[in-house]
């Protein structure tokens, strides 16, 4: 798969769906500029859903404090990770997964490029795919 010039976190973590969705949760109501500096450190301490589901919320809060909404975001990440480990069928049913993360899942995990998105960056990515002649 050809890589876009945009450096989207969903594209970077496409190979690990759990991490890709964690990036979507982190990006919710914040920006790449805020998430990018902490993502490597976060995944070094919390490399997978098993570890993250058992995380100490106070330690995680400190790590993601700069993203804002750190109490809610920490609770969401932990609860999402617990559900990820369970039996689920649709990504939208997982805790903390809204339209943006669901659309990202469809694009970066299911390779569905024929969807209507509302996020400007996802719209930009889909336009780039179309321009590159990459369709499904």
Protein backbone atom coordinates (compact mmCIF):
# COMPACT_ATOMS: atom_id res chain seq x y z
CA UNK A 1 0.00 0.00 0.00
CA UNK A 2 1.33 3.39 -0.97
CA UNK A 3 1.90 5.74 1.98
CA UNK A 4 0.33 9.18 1.94
CA UNK A 5 2.37 12.35 2.45
CA UNK A 6 0.29 13.33 5.49
CA UNK A 7 1.88 11.28 8.29
CA UNK A 8 -1.51 10.34 9.78
CA UNK A 9 -1.27 8.37 12.98
CA UNK A 10 -3.92 5.95 11.73
CA UNK A 11 -1.69 5.18 8.77
CA UNK A 12 1.40 4.79 10.96
CA UNK A 13 -0.40 2.34 13.25
CA UNK A 14 -2.47 0.58 10.58
CA UNK A 15 -0.49 -2.62 11.27
CA UNK A 16 -1.74 -2.69 14.89
CA UNK A 17 -5.50 -2.01 15.02
CA UNK A 18 -5.61 -1.55 18.80
CA UNK A 19 -2.89 1.11 18.66
CA UNK A 20 -4.60 2.80 15.74
CA UNK A 21 -7.79 3.14 17.76
CA UNK A 22 -5.86 4.38 20.80
CA UNK A 23 -4.52 7.12 18.52
CA UNK A 24 -8.09 7.98 17.51
CA UNK A 25 -9.10 8.23 21.18
CA UNK A 26 -6.11 10.46 21.87
CA UNK A 27 -6.83 12.62 18.83
CA UNK A 28 -10.40 13.23 19.95
CA UNK A 29 -10.76 16.96 20.69
CA UNK A 30 -7.04 17.57 20.30
CA UNK A 31 -4.45 17.63 17.52
CA UNK A 32 -1.59 15.69 16.01
CA UNK A 33 0.80 18.28 17.48
CA UNK A 34 -0.31 17.34 20.98
CA UNK A 35 -0.48 13.57 20.48
CA UNK A 36 2.68 13.02 18.46
CA UNK A 37 5.17 13.90 21.25
CA UNK A 38 3.70 11.38 23.71
CA UNK A 39 2.71 8.42 21.50
CA UNK A 40 6.04 6.55 21.57
CA UNK A 41 6.43 6.94 25.32
CA UNK A 42 2.81 5.87 25.81
CA UNK A 43 3.19 2.70 23.72
CA UNK A 44 6.50 1.89 25.39
CA UNK A 45 4.73 1.81 28.77
CA UNK A 46 1.41 0.46 27.40
CA UNK A 47 2.34 -1.75 24.43
CA UNK A 48 -0.93 -3.66 24.12
CA UNK A 49 -4.49 -4.00 25.36
CA UNK A 50 -3.57 -6.52 28.06
CA UNK A 51 -1.10 -4.19 29.76
CA UNK A 52 -3.28 -1.12 29.24
CA UNK A 53 -6.41 -2.76 30.63
CA UNK A 54 -4.56 -3.18 33.96
CA UNK A 55 -2.91 0.25 33.97
CA UNK A 56 -2.69 2.45 37.04
CA UNK A 57 -5.00 5.34 36.08
CA UNK A 58 -2.96 7.89 38.05
CA UNK A 59 0.23 7.07 36.15
CA UNK A 60 -1.56 7.15 32.82
CA UNK A 61 -3.19 10.50 33.63
CA UNK A 62 0.21 12.05 34.20
CA UNK A 63 1.50 10.71 30.90
CA UNK A 64 -1.41 12.07 28.84
CA UNK A 65 -2.13 15.22 30.87
CA UNK A 66 -1.05 17.51 27.99
CA UNK A 67 -3.86 16.16 25.79
CA UNK A 68 -6.54 17.63 28.02
CA UNK A 69 -9.58 15.77 29.39
CA UNK A 70 -7.01 13.42 30.92
CA UNK A 71 -9.34 11.96 33.58
CA UNK A 72 -11.98 11.04 31.02
CA UNK A 73 -9.45 10.03 28.38
CA UNK A 74 -7.63 7.71 30.82
CA UNK A 75 -10.87 6.02 31.85
CA UNK A 76 -11.84 5.64 28.19
CA UNK A 77 -8.49 4.11 27.18
CA UNK A 78 -8.58 1.59 30.02
CA UNK A 79 -12.22 0.61 29.49
CA UNK A 80 -11.73 0.43 25.70
CA UNK A 81 -8.71 -1.85 26.19
CA UNK A 82 -10.68 -4.17 28.48
CA UNK A 83 -13.46 -4.43 25.90
CA UNK A 84 -10.95 -4.94 23.08
CA UNK A 85 -9.84 -8.14 24.82
CA UNK A 86 -13.40 -9.45 24.91
CA UNK A 87 -15.78 -10.74 22.31
CA UNK A 88 -16.90 -7.91 20.05
CA UNK A 89 -18.19 -7.81 16.50
CA UNK A 90 -18.42 -4.15 15.49
CA UNK A 91 -15.77 -1.60 16.34
CA UNK A 92 -18.41 1.09 16.94
CA UNK A 93 -19.68 -0.98 19.89
CA UNK A 94 -16.39 -0.59 21.76
CA UNK A 95 -16.30 2.01 24.52
CA UNK A 96 -14.90 5.36 23.38
CA UNK A 97 -15.23 4.65 19.67
CA UNK A 98 -17.23 7.33 17.92
CA UNK A 99 -17.69 8.43 14.35
CA UNK A 100 -14.07 9.53 13.79
CA UNK A 101 -12.57 6.26 15.06
CA UNK A 102 -15.21 4.18 13.29
CA UNK A 103 -14.53 5.99 10.00
CA UNK A 104 -10.79 5.53 10.56
CA UNK A 105 -11.37 1.81 11.13
CA UNK A 106 -13.31 1.51 7.88
CA UNK A 107 -10.58 3.32 5.93
CA UNK A 108 -7.38 2.00 7.51
CA UNK A 109 -8.45 -1.50 8.61
CA UNK A 110 -11.20 -2.49 6.19
CA UNK A 111 -9.77 -0.53 3.25
CA UNK A 112 -13.23 0.88 2.58
CA UNK A 113 -12.69 4.14 0.70
CA UNK A 114 -16.27 4.53 -0.44
CA UNK A 115 -17.66 6.10 2.73
CA UNK A 116 -18.94 9.51 3.68
CA UNK A 117 -16.76 11.14 6.32
CA UNK A 118 -17.16 14.40 8.19
CA UNK A 119 -13.60 14.83 9.49
CA UNK A 120 -11.53 17.19 7.32
CA UNK A 121 -8.34 15.11 7.58
CA UNK A 122 -10.09 11.88 6.66
CA UNK A 123 -11.75 13.72 3.76
CA UNK A 124 -8.30 14.91 2.68
CA UNK A 125 -6.92 11.35 2.87
CA UNK A 126 -9.77 9.92 0.80
CA UNK A 127 -9.27 12.68 -1.80
CA UNK A 128 -5.56 11.81 -1.96
CA UNK A 129 -6.41 8.12 -2.48
CA UNK A 130 -8.78 9.02 -5.29
CA UNK A 131 -6.20 11.31 -6.88
CA UNK A 132 -3.62 8.48 -6.68
CA UNK A 133 -6.07 6.10 -8.36
CA UNK A 134 -6.33 3.96 -5.24
CA UNK A 135 -9.89 2.72 -4.87
CA UNK A 136 -11.68 -0.34 -3.59
